[in-house]
Every structure is written in structure tokens, then in C-alpha cells.
All heavy atoms as atom14 arrays in JSON, in Angstrom:
{
  "sequence": "EKFLNPNAENSYHNPFLMKDMDKAVDIIISTIDHNEKIRIVGDYDQDG",
  "atom14_mask": [
    [1, 1, 1, 1, 1, 1, 1, 1, 1, 0, 0, 0, 0, 0],
    [1, 1, 1, 1, 1, 1, 1, 1, 1, 0, 0, 0, 0, 0],
    [1, 1, 1, 1, 1, 1, 1, 1, 1, 1, 1, 0, 0, 0],
    [1, 1, 1, 1, 1, 1, 1, 1, 0, 0, 0, 0, 0, 0],
    [1, 1, 1, 1, 1, 1, 1, 1, 0, 0, 0, 0, 0, 0],
    [1, 1, 1, 1, 1, 1, 1, 0, 0, 0, 0, 0, 0, 0],
    [1, 1, 1, 1, 1, 1, 1, 1, 0, 0, 0, 0, 0, 0],
    [1, 1, 1, 1, 1, 0, 0, 0, 0, 0, 0, 0, 0, 0],
    [1, 1, 1, 1, 1, 1, 1, 1, 1, 0, 0, 0, 0, 0],
    [1, 1, 1, 1, 1, 1, 1, 1, 0, 0, 0, 0, 0, 0],
    [1, 1, 1, 1, 1, 1, 0, 0, 0, 0, 0, 0, 0, 0],
    [1, 1, 1, 1, 1, 1, 1, 1, 1, 1, 1, 1, 0, 0],
    [1, 1, 1, 1, 1, 1, 1, 1, 1, 1, 0, 0, 0, 0],
    [1, 1, 1, 1, 1, 1, 1, 1, 0, 0, 0, 0, 0, 0],
    [1, 1, 1, 1, 1, 1, 1, 0, 0, 0, 0, 0, 0, 0],
    [1, 1, 1, 1, 1, 1, 1, 1, 1, 1, 1, 0, 0, 0],
    [1, 1, 1, 1, 1, 1, 1, 1, 0, 0, 0, 0, 0, 0],
    [1, 1, 1, 1, 1, 1, 1, 1, 0, 0, 0, 0, 0, 0],
    [1, 1, 1, 1, 1, 1, 1, 1, 1, 0, 0, 0, 0, 0],
    [1, 1, 1, 1, 1, 1, 1, 1, 0, 0, 0, 0, 0, 0],
    [1, 1, 1, 1, 1, 1, 1, 1, 0, 0, 0, 0, 0, 0],
    [1, 1, 1, 1, 1, 1, 1, 1, 0, 0, 0, 0, 0, 0],
    [1, 1, 1, 1, 1, 1, 1, 1, 1, 0, 0, 0, 0, 0],
    [1, 1, 1, 1, 1, 0, 0, 0, 0, 0, 0, 0, 0, 0],
    [1, 1, 1, 1, 1, 1, 1, 0, 0, 0, 0, 0, 0, 0],
    [1, 1, 1, 1, 1, 1, 1, 1, 0, 0, 0, 0, 0, 0],
    [1, 1, 1, 1, 1, 1, 1, 1, 0, 0, 0, 0, 0, 0],
    [1, 1, 1, 1, 1, 1, 1, 1, 0, 0, 0, 0, 0, 0],
    [1, 1, 1, 1, 1, 1, 1, 1, 0, 0, 0, 0, 0, 0],
    [1, 1, 1, 1, 1, 1, 0, 0, 0, 0, 0, 0, 0, 0],
    [1, 1, 1, 1, 1, 1, 1, 0, 0, 0, 0, 0, 0, 0],
    [1, 1, 1, 1, 1, 1, 1, 1, 0, 0, 0, 0, 0, 0],
    [1, 1, 1, 1, 1, 1, 1, 1, 0, 0, 0, 0, 0, 0],
    [1, 1, 1, 1, 1, 1, 1, 1, 1, 1, 0, 0, 0, 0],
    [1, 1, 1, 1, 1, 1, 1, 1, 0, 0, 0, 0, 0, 0],
    [1, 1, 1, 1, 1, 1, 1, 1, 1, 0, 0, 0, 0, 0],
    [1, 1, 1, 1, 1, 1, 1, 1, 1, 0, 0, 0, 0, 0],
    [1, 1, 1, 1, 1, 1, 1, 1, 0, 0, 0, 0, 0, 0],
    [1, 1, 1, 1, 1, 1, 1, 1, 1, 1, 1, 0, 0, 0],
    [1, 1, 1, 1, 1, 1, 1, 1, 0, 0, 0, 0, 0, 0],
    [1, 1, 1, 1, 1, 1, 1, 0, 0, 0, 0, 0, 0, 0],
    [1, 1, 1, 1, 0, 0, 0, 0, 0, 0, 0, 0, 0, 0],
    [1, 1, 1, 1, 1, 1, 1, 1, 0, 0, 0, 0, 0, 0],
    [1, 1, 1, 1, 1, 1, 1, 1, 1, 1, 1, 1, 0, 0],
    [1, 1, 1, 1, 1, 1, 1, 1, 0, 0, 0, 0, 0, 0],
    [1, 1, 1, 1, 1, 1, 1, 1, 1, 0, 0, 0, 0, 0],
    [1, 1, 1, 1, 1, 1, 1, 1, 0, 0, 0, 0, 0, 0],
    [1, 1, 1, 1, 0, 0, 0, 0, 0, 0, 0, 0, 0, 0]
  ],
  "atom14_positions": [
    [[134.5, 102.89, 100.88], [134.66, 101.95, 99.77], [133.48, 102.06, 98.81], [133.66, 102.12, 97.59], [134.78, 100.52, 100.3], [135.01, 99.47, 99.22], [136.29, 99.7, 98.42], [137.29, 100.18, 98.99], [136.28, 99.4, 97.21], [0.0, 0.0, 0.0], [0.0, 0.0, 0.0], [0.0, 0.0, 0.0], [0.0, 0.0, 0.0], [0.0, 0.0, 0.0]],
    [[132.28, 102.08, 99.34], [131.06, 102.18, 98.52], [131.0, 103.51, 97.79], [130.61, 103.58, 96.62], [129.83, 101.99, 99.4], [128.51, 102.07, 98.67], [127.38, 101.8, 99.64], [126.02, 101.92, 98.96], [124.91, 101.63, 99.88], [0.0, 0.0, 0.0], [0.0, 0.0, 0.0], [0.0, 0.0, 0.0], [0.0, 0.0, 0.0], [0.0, 0.0, 0.0]],
    [[131.4, 104.59, 98.48], [131.32, 105.92, 97.88], [132.38, 106.12, 96.81], [132.11, 106.67, 95.74], [131.48, 106.99, 98.96], [131.26, 108.39, 98.47], [129.98, 108.92, 98.37], [132.33, 109.19, 98.09], [129.77, 110.22, 97.92], [132.14, 110.48, 97.63], [130.85, 111.0, 97.54], [0.0, 0.0, 0.0], [0.0, 0.0, 0.0], [0.0, 0.0, 0.0]],
    [[133.61, 105.67, 97.08], [134.72, 105.91, 96.17], [134.8, 104.88, 95.05], [135.26, 105.2, 93.95], [136.04, 105.92, 96.95], [136.18, 107.04, 98.0], [137.41, 106.79, 98.87], [136.25, 108.4, 97.34], [0.0, 0.0, 0.0], [0.0, 0.0, 0.0], [0.0, 0.0, 0.0], [0.0, 0.0, 0.0], [0.0, 0.0, 0.0], [0.0, 0.0, 0.0]],
    [[134.35, 103.66, 95.32], [134.43, 102.59, 94.33], [133.08, 101.87, 94.22], [132.96, 100.68, 94.54], [135.53, 101.6, 94.72], [136.88, 102.27, 94.85], [137.41, 102.82, 93.89], [137.45, 102.24, 96.06], [0.0, 0.0, 0.0], [0.0, 0.0, 0.0], [0.0, 0.0, 0.0], [0.0, 0.0, 0.0], [0.0, 0.0, 0.0], [0.0, 0.0, 0.0]],
    [[132.06, 102.58, 93.75], [130.74, 101.95, 93.69], [130.7, 100.84, 92.64], [131.27, 100.97, 91.56], [129.83, 103.11, 93.28], [130.72, 104.08, 92.57], [132.06, 103.96, 93.24], [0.0, 0.0, 0.0], [0.0, 0.0, 0.0], [0.0, 0.0, 0.0], [0.0, 0.0, 0.0], [0.0, 0.0, 0.0], [0.0, 0.0, 0.0], [0.0, 0.0, 0.0]],
    [[130.05, 99.76, 92.99], [129.84, 98.67, 92.04], [128.47, 98.05, 92.3], [127.78, 98.41, 93.26], [130.96, 97.62, 92.12], [131.11, 97.05, 93.52], [130.15, 96.6, 94.13], [132.34, 97.05, 94.05], [0.0, 0.0, 0.0], [0.0, 0.0, 0.0], [0.0, 0.0, 0.0], [0.0, 0.0, 0.0], [0.0, 0.0, 0.0], [0.0, 0.0, 0.0]],
    [[128.07, 97.15, 91.44], [126.74, 96.55, 91.56], [126.56, 95.85, 92.91], [125.5, 95.95, 93.54], [126.5, 95.57, 90.42], [0.0, 0.0, 0.0], [0.0, 0.0, 0.0], [0.0, 0.0, 0.0], [0.0, 0.0, 0.0], [0.0, 0.0, 0.0], [0.0, 0.0, 0.0], [0.0, 0.0, 0.0], [0.0, 0.0, 0.0], [0.0, 0.0, 0.0]],
    [[127.61, 95.18, 93.34], [127.51, 94.38, 94.57], [127.31, 95.26, 95.81], [126.51, 94.93, 96.69], [128.75, 93.51, 94.73], [128.65, 92.53, 95.9], [129.87, 91.62, 95.98], [130.91, 91.95, 95.37], [129.77, 90.58, 96.63], [0.0, 0.0, 0.0], [0.0, 0.0, 0.0], [0.0, 0.0, 0.0], [0.0, 0.0, 0.0], [0.0, 0.0, 0.0]],
    [[128.01, 96.39, 95.88], [127.91, 97.21, 97.1], [126.89, 98.33, 96.98], [126.68, 99.09, 97.94], [129.28, 97.77, 97.51], [129.86, 98.78, 96.51], [129.15, 99.38, 95.72], [131.18, 98.95, 96.57], [0.0, 0.0, 0.0], [0.0, 0.0, 0.0], [0.0, 0.0, 0.0], [0.0, 0.0, 0.0], [0.0, 0.0, 0.0], [0.0, 0.0, 0.0]],
    [[126.24, 98.48, 95.82], [125.34, 99.61, 95.62], [123.87, 99.22, 95.42], [122.98, 99.94, 95.87], [125.78, 100.44, 94.41], [127.09, 100.96, 94.59], [0.0, 0.0, 0.0], [0.0, 0.0, 0.0], [0.0, 0.0, 0.0], [0.0, 0.0, 0.0], [0.0, 0.0, 0.0], [0.0, 0.0, 0.0], [0.0, 0.0, 0.0], [0.0, 0.0, 0.0]],
    [[123.62, 98.13, 94.72], [122.23, 97.78, 94.39], [121.43, 97.33, 95.62], [121.91, 96.56, 96.44], [122.19, 96.65, 93.37], [122.36, 97.1, 91.93], [122.98, 96.26, 91.0], [121.89, 98.33, 91.48], [123.12, 96.64, 89.67], [122.05, 98.72, 90.17], [122.66, 97.87, 89.26], [122.81, 98.27, 87.96], [0.0, 0.0, 0.0], [0.0, 0.0, 0.0]],
    [[120.2, 97.84, 95.71], [119.24, 97.35, 96.69], [118.23, 96.46, 95.97], [117.98, 96.62, 94.77], [118.51, 98.51, 97.36], [119.41, 99.47, 98.06], [120.16, 99.13, 99.16], [119.69, 100.78, 97.81], [120.86, 100.18, 99.57], [120.6, 101.19, 98.76], [0.0, 0.0, 0.0], [0.0, 0.0, 0.0], [0.0, 0.0, 0.0], [0.0, 0.0, 0.0]],
    [[117.64, 95.55, 96.69], [116.62, 94.67, 96.14], [115.41, 95.51, 95.71], [114.78, 96.16, 96.55], [116.2, 93.64, 97.2], [115.16, 92.66, 96.69], [114.59, 92.82, 95.62], [114.9, 91.64, 97.48], [0.0, 0.0, 0.0], [0.0, 0.0, 0.0], [0.0, 0.0, 0.0], [0.0, 0.0, 0.0], [0.0, 0.0, 0.0], [0.0, 0.0, 0.0]],
    [[115.05, 95.53, 94.43], [113.94, 96.37, 93.98], [112.6, 96.0, 94.63], [111.7, 96.84, 94.74], [113.9, 96.17, 92.47], [114.63, 94.88, 92.22], [115.65, 94.79, 93.3], [0.0, 0.0, 0.0], [0.0, 0.0, 0.0], [0.0, 0.0, 0.0], [0.0, 0.0, 0.0], [0.0, 0.0, 0.0], [0.0, 0.0, 0.0], [0.0, 0.0, 0.0]],
    [[112.46, 94.75, 95.08], [111.2, 94.31, 95.67], [110.99, 94.86, 97.08], [109.93, 94.65, 97.67], [111.11, 92.79, 95.65], [110.85, 92.22, 94.28], [111.89, 91.7, 93.53], [109.58, 92.26, 93.73], [111.67, 91.19, 92.26], [109.34, 91.76, 92.45], [110.39, 91.23, 91.71], [0.0, 0.0, 0.0], [0.0, 0.0, 0.0], [0.0, 0.0, 0.0]],
    [[111.99, 95.6, 97.59], [111.8, 96.3, 98.86], [110.91, 97.53, 98.68], [110.4, 98.09, 99.65], [113.14, 96.73, 99.45], [114.09, 95.6, 99.9], [115.44, 96.17, 100.31], [113.47, 94.81, 101.04], [0.0, 0.0, 0.0], [0.0, 0.0, 0.0], [0.0, 0.0, 0.0], [0.0, 0.0, 0.0], [0.0, 0.0, 0.0], [0.0, 0.0, 0.0]],
    [[110.73, 97.95, 97.43], [109.92, 99.13, 97.15], [108.43, 98.77, 97.21], [108.03, 97.73, 96.68], [110.28, 99.71, 95.78], [110.15, 101.21, 95.68], [110.78, 101.89, 94.11], [112.55, 101.76, 94.38], [0.0, 0.0, 0.0], [0.0, 0.0, 0.0], [0.0, 0.0, 0.0], [0.0, 0.0, 0.0], [0.0, 0.0, 0.0], [0.0, 0.0, 0.0]],
    [[107.66, 99.6, 97.84], [106.22, 99.36, 97.99], [105.56, 99.15, 96.63], [105.81, 99.89, 95.69], [105.56, 100.53, 98.72], [104.09, 100.31, 99.05], [103.56, 101.5, 99.84], [102.14, 101.23, 100.34], [101.17, 101.12, 99.24], [0.0, 0.0, 0.0], [0.0, 0.0, 0.0], [0.0, 0.0, 0.0], [0.0, 0.0, 0.0], [0.0, 0.0, 0.0]],
    [[104.71, 98.15, 96.54], [103.91, 97.82, 95.35], [104.73, 97.28, 94.18], [104.18, 97.06, 93.09], [103.09, 99.03, 94.87], [101.79, 99.21, 95.64], [101.57, 98.46, 96.61], [101.0, 100.09, 95.27], [0.0, 0.0, 0.0], [0.0, 0.0, 0.0], [0.0, 0.0, 0.0], [0.0, 0.0, 0.0], [0.0, 0.0, 0.0], [0.0, 0.0, 0.0]],
    [[106.04, 97.1, 94.36], [106.85, 96.6, 93.25], [106.37, 95.22, 92.81], [106.3, 94.93, 91.6], [108.33, 96.54, 93.65], [109.25, 96.12, 92.51], [109.27, 97.3, 91.13], [110.45, 98.5, 91.72], [0.0, 0.0, 0.0], [0.0, 0.0, 0.0], [0.0, 0.0, 0.0], [0.0, 0.0, 0.0], [0.0, 0.0, 0.0], [0.0, 0.0, 0.0]],
    [[106.05, 94.35, 93.76], [105.58, 93.01, 93.4], [104.28, 93.09, 92.61], [104.1, 92.37, 91.61], [105.41, 92.15, 94.66], [104.55, 92.81, 95.73], [104.29, 94.03, 95.64], [104.13, 92.1, 96.67], [0.0, 0.0, 0.0], [0.0, 0.0, 0.0], [0.0, 0.0, 0.0], [0.0, 0.0, 0.0], [0.0, 0.0, 0.0], [0.0, 0.0, 0.0]],
    [[103.37, 93.98, 93.01], [102.11, 94.15, 92.28], [102.37, 94.63, 90.86], [101.8, 94.11, 89.9], [101.23, 95.21, 92.98], [100.54, 94.76, 94.24], [99.61, 95.92, 94.66], [99.08, 95.69, 96.06], [98.27, 96.85, 96.49], [0.0, 0.0, 0.0], [0.0, 0.0, 0.0], [0.0, 0.0, 0.0], [0.0, 0.0, 0.0], [0.0, 0.0, 0.0]],
    [[103.22, 95.65, 90.72], [103.51, 96.23, 89.41], [104.11, 95.18, 88.47], [103.7, 95.08, 87.31], [104.47, 97.42, 89.56], [0.0, 0.0, 0.0], [0.0, 0.0, 0.0], [0.0, 0.0, 0.0], [0.0, 0.0, 0.0], [0.0, 0.0, 0.0], [0.0, 0.0, 0.0], [0.0, 0.0, 0.0], [0.0, 0.0, 0.0], [0.0, 0.0, 0.0]],
    [[105.05, 94.4, 88.98], [105.7, 93.37, 88.16], [104.7, 92.32, 87.7], [104.68, 91.93, 86.52], [106.86, 92.72, 88.94], [107.38, 91.48, 88.22], [107.99, 93.72, 89.13], [0.0, 0.0, 0.0], [0.0, 0.0, 0.0], [0.0, 0.0, 0.0], [0.0, 0.0, 0.0], [0.0, 0.0, 0.0], [0.0, 0.0, 0.0], [0.0, 0.0, 0.0]],
    [[103.86, 91.87, 88.61], [102.86, 90.85, 88.25], [101.89, 91.38, 87.2], [101.53, 90.66, 86.25], [102.08, 90.41, 89.49], [102.92, 89.54, 90.43], [103.98, 89.04, 89.99], [102.52, 89.36, 91.59], [0.0, 0.0, 0.0], [0.0, 0.0, 0.0], [0.0, 0.0, 0.0], [0.0, 0.0, 0.0], [0.0, 0.0, 0.0], [0.0, 0.0, 0.0]],
    [[101.45, 92.64, 87.34], [100.53, 93.23, 86.36], [101.19, 93.33, 84.99], [100.58, 92.99, 83.97], [100.07, 94.63, 86.84], [99.17, 94.5, 88.07], [99.33, 95.38, 85.72], [98.93, 95.82, 88.8], [0.0, 0.0, 0.0], [0.0, 0.0, 0.0], [0.0, 0.0, 0.0], [0.0, 0.0, 0.0], [0.0, 0.0, 0.0], [0.0, 0.0, 0.0]],
    [[102.44, 93.79, 84.96], [103.14, 93.96, 83.68], [103.37, 92.62, 83.01], [103.13, 92.46, 81.8], [104.47, 94.71, 83.89], [104.2, 96.16, 84.3], [105.33, 94.66, 82.63], [105.41, 96.91, 84.79], [0.0, 0.0, 0.0], [0.0, 0.0, 0.0], [0.0, 0.0, 0.0], [0.0, 0.0, 0.0], [0.0, 0.0, 0.0], [0.0, 0.0, 0.0]],
    [[103.83, 91.64, 83.75], [104.09, 90.33, 83.16], [102.79, 89.7, 82.65], [102.75, 89.12, 81.55], [104.8, 89.4, 84.18], [106.23, 89.9, 84.41], [104.81, 87.96, 83.68], [107.01, 89.13, 85.45], [0.0, 0.0, 0.0], [0.0, 0.0, 0.0], [0.0, 0.0, 0.0], [0.0, 0.0, 0.0], [0.0, 0.0, 0.0], [0.0, 0.0, 0.0]],
    [[101.71, 89.84, 83.4], [100.41, 89.32, 82.96], [99.95, 90.03, 81.68], [99.45, 89.4, 80.74], [99.37, 89.51, 84.05], [98.08, 89.15, 83.61], [0.0, 0.0, 0.0], [0.0, 0.0, 0.0], [0.0, 0.0, 0.0], [0.0, 0.0, 0.0], [0.0, 0.0, 0.0], [0.0, 0.0, 0.0], [0.0, 0.0, 0.0], [0.0, 0.0, 0.0]],
    [[100.16, 91.36, 81.63], [99.78, 92.14, 80.44], [100.57, 91.67, 79.23], [100.01, 91.51, 78.13], [100.03, 93.64, 80.7], [99.26, 94.05, 81.83], [99.64, 94.47, 79.49], [0.0, 0.0, 0.0], [0.0, 0.0, 0.0], [0.0, 0.0, 0.0], [0.0, 0.0, 0.0], [0.0, 0.0, 0.0], [0.0, 0.0, 0.0], [0.0, 0.0, 0.0]],
    [[101.85, 91.43, 79.42], [102.7, 90.95, 78.32], [102.28, 89.55, 77.89], [102.16, 89.26, 76.69], [104.18, 90.97, 78.75], [104.68, 92.42, 78.91], [105.06, 90.22, 77.74], [106.03, 92.55, 79.56], [0.0, 0.0, 0.0], [0.0, 0.0, 0.0], [0.0, 0.0, 0.0], [0.0, 0.0, 0.0], [0.0, 0.0, 0.0], [0.0, 0.0, 0.0]],
    [[102.04, 88.68, 78.85], [101.66, 87.29, 78.54], [100.34, 87.21, 77.77], [100.13, 86.29, 76.97], [101.56, 86.47, 79.83], [102.93, 86.19, 80.46], [103.95, 86.4, 79.76], [102.97, 85.78, 81.63], [0.0, 0.0, 0.0], [0.0, 0.0, 0.0], [0.0, 0.0, 0.0], [0.0, 0.0, 0.0], [0.0, 0.0, 0.0], [0.0, 0.0, 0.0]],
    [[99.46, 88.18, 78.03], [98.16, 88.19, 77.33], [98.2, 89.04, 76.06], [97.15, 89.32, 75.46], [97.07, 88.72, 78.27], [96.68, 87.74, 79.34], [97.34, 87.68, 80.56], [95.72, 86.78, 79.36], [96.78, 86.72, 81.3], [95.81, 86.16, 80.58], [0.0, 0.0, 0.0], [0.0, 0.0, 0.0], [0.0, 0.0, 0.0], [0.0, 0.0, 0.0]],
    [[99.41, 89.44, 75.65], [99.62, 90.19, 74.4], [98.8, 91.47, 74.36], [98.27, 91.88, 73.32], [99.28, 89.3, 73.19], [100.04, 89.72, 71.95], [101.18, 90.2, 72.03], [99.44, 89.53, 70.79], [0.0, 0.0, 0.0], [0.0, 0.0, 0.0], [0.0, 0.0, 0.0], [0.0, 0.0, 0.0], [0.0, 0.0, 0.0], [0.0, 0.0, 0.0]],
    [[98.7, 92.13, 75.53], [97.94, 93.36, 75.63], [98.83, 94.58, 75.39], [100.06, 94.48, 75.45], [97.28, 93.44, 77.02], [96.23, 92.37, 77.23], [95.65, 92.39, 78.64], [96.32, 92.91, 79.57], [94.55, 91.87, 78.82], [0.0, 0.0, 0.0], [0.0, 0.0, 0.0], [0.0, 0.0, 0.0], [0.0, 0.0, 0.0], [0.0, 0.0, 0.0]],
    [[98.19, 95.73, 75.16], [98.92, 96.95, 74.8], [99.32, 97.76, 76.04], [98.49, 97.98, 76.93], [98.06, 97.83, 73.89], [97.77, 97.23, 72.52], [96.93, 98.21, 71.73], [96.59, 97.67, 70.35], [95.73, 98.61, 69.6], [0.0, 0.0, 0.0], [0.0, 0.0, 0.0], [0.0, 0.0, 0.0], [0.0, 0.0, 0.0], [0.0, 0.0, 0.0]],
    [[100.58, 98.22, 76.03], [101.11, 99.04, 77.11], [101.48, 100.42, 76.56], [102.06, 100.52, 75.48], [102.37, 98.39, 77.73], [102.05, 97.01, 78.31], [102.98, 99.3, 78.8], [103.28, 96.24, 78.77], [0.0, 0.0, 0.0], [0.0, 0.0, 0.0], [0.0, 0.0, 0.0], [0.0, 0.0, 0.0], [0.0, 0.0, 0.0], [0.0, 0.0, 0.0]],
    [[101.14, 101.47, 77.31], [101.6, 102.81, 76.93], [102.34, 103.45, 78.09], [101.83, 103.51, 79.21], [100.43, 103.71, 76.51], [100.89, 105.14, 76.15], [99.91, 105.82, 75.21], [99.87, 105.14, 73.92], [98.92, 105.36, 72.99], [97.96, 106.24, 73.23], [98.97, 104.71, 71.85], [0.0, 0.0, 0.0], [0.0, 0.0, 0.0], [0.0, 0.0, 0.0]],
    [[103.54, 103.92, 77.8], [104.35, 104.66, 78.78], [103.99, 106.13, 78.67], [103.94, 106.69, 77.58], [105.86, 104.48, 78.49], [106.24, 103.01, 78.32], [106.7, 105.16, 79.57], [105.91, 102.14, 79.48], [0.0, 0.0, 0.0], [0.0, 0.0, 0.0], [0.0, 0.0, 0.0], [0.0, 0.0, 0.0], [0.0, 0.0, 0.0], [0.0, 0.0, 0.0]],
    [[103.74, 106.78, 79.81], [103.47, 108.22, 79.82], [104.55, 108.89, 80.65], [104.62, 108.72, 81.86], [102.07, 108.53, 80.39], [101.86, 110.05, 80.44], [100.99, 107.87, 79.54], [0.0, 0.0, 0.0], [0.0, 0.0, 0.0], [0.0, 0.0, 0.0], [0.0, 0.0, 0.0], [0.0, 0.0, 0.0], [0.0, 0.0, 0.0], [0.0, 0.0, 0.0]],
    [[105.42, 109.64, 79.96], [106.56, 110.27, 80.62], [106.34, 111.74, 80.91], [105.2, 112.21, 80.99], [0.0, 0.0, 0.0], [0.0, 0.0, 0.0], [0.0, 0.0, 0.0], [0.0, 0.0, 0.0], [0.0, 0.0, 0.0], [0.0, 0.0, 0.0], [0.0, 0.0, 0.0], [0.0, 0.0, 0.0], [0.0, 0.0, 0.0], [0.0, 0.0, 0.0]],
    [[107.44, 112.47, 81.04], [107.38, 113.91, 81.28], [108.3, 114.59, 80.28], [109.09, 113.94, 79.58], [107.77, 114.22, 82.72], [107.49, 115.68, 83.09], [106.54, 116.24, 82.53], [108.23, 116.24, 83.9], [0.0, 0.0, 0.0], [0.0, 0.0, 0.0], [0.0, 0.0, 0.0], [0.0, 0.0, 0.0], [0.0, 0.0, 0.0], [0.0, 0.0, 0.0]],
    [[108.24, 115.93, 80.21], [108.9, 116.65, 79.11], [110.31, 117.14, 79.45], [110.88, 117.9, 78.67], [108.05, 117.82, 78.64], [107.43, 118.66, 79.73], [108.2, 119.48, 80.54], [106.06, 118.62, 79.95], [107.65, 120.24, 81.54], [105.48, 119.39, 80.95], [106.27, 120.2, 81.74], [105.7, 120.95, 82.74], [0.0, 0.0, 0.0], [0.0, 0.0, 0.0]],
    [[110.88, 116.75, 80.59], [112.26, 117.16, 80.88], [113.22, 115.98, 80.66], [112.83, 114.91, 80.22], [112.38, 117.72, 82.3], [112.15, 116.65, 83.37], [111.77, 115.51, 83.03], [112.33, 116.97, 84.56], [0.0, 0.0, 0.0], [0.0, 0.0, 0.0], [0.0, 0.0, 0.0], [0.0, 0.0, 0.0], [0.0, 0.0, 0.0], [0.0, 0.0, 0.0]],
    [[114.49, 116.21, 80.95], [115.51, 115.18, 80.72], [115.21, 113.9, 81.52], [115.33, 112.79, 81.0], [116.89, 115.71, 81.1], [117.99, 114.67, 81.16], [118.3, 114.05, 79.82], [118.95, 114.66, 78.97], [117.85, 112.82, 79.58], [0.0, 0.0, 0.0], [0.0, 0.0, 0.0], [0.0, 0.0, 0.0], [0.0, 0.0, 0.0], [0.0, 0.0, 0.0]],
    [[114.82, 114.04, 82.78], [114.52, 112.87, 83.58], [113.31, 112.12, 83.02], [113.28, 110.89, 83.0], [114.29, 113.26, 85.04], [114.2, 112.07, 85.97], [114.72, 110.99, 85.62], [113.62, 112.2, 87.06], [0.0, 0.0, 0.0], [0.0, 0.0, 0.0], [0.0, 0.0, 0.0], [0.0, 0.0, 0.0], [0.0, 0.0, 0.0], [0.0, 0.0, 0.0]],
    [[112.32, 112.88, 82.54], [111.16, 112.25, 81.91], [111.56, 111.49, 80.66], [111.08, 110.38, 80.4], [0.0, 0.0, 0.0], [0.0, 0.0, 0.0], [0.0, 0.0, 0.0], [0.0, 0.0, 0.0], [0.0, 0.0, 0.0], [0.0, 0.0, 0.0], [0.0, 0.0, 0.0], [0.0, 0.0, 0.0], [0.0, 0.0, 0.0], [0.0, 0.0, 0.0]]
  ]
}
């Protein structure tokens, strides 16, 4: 069912299960709240 008919309910995992996700979110929200500058550094391929 999940493979043939994927949907948000049967596919999504809780992102906070990922290591350091809580730290990253708190840092980003604090940076935004303090009106600080953020720079994204990507890569040069399609996934980047």
C-alpha cells in the first residue's frame, strides 16, 4: 500500500527523529527572530 499508493500519512517520518534537528531548528528560528543574516551554501549539481 505504501509503495504503490504513497501519501503524506503513510510516508512522512517525524523530522525531529534526525540527529541535531532540534538544535538546527532552534538556531535558525533564533537567527530569524534577531533579524540576522543567513547564507545558504549549496552545490553545483541538480541536487545542490
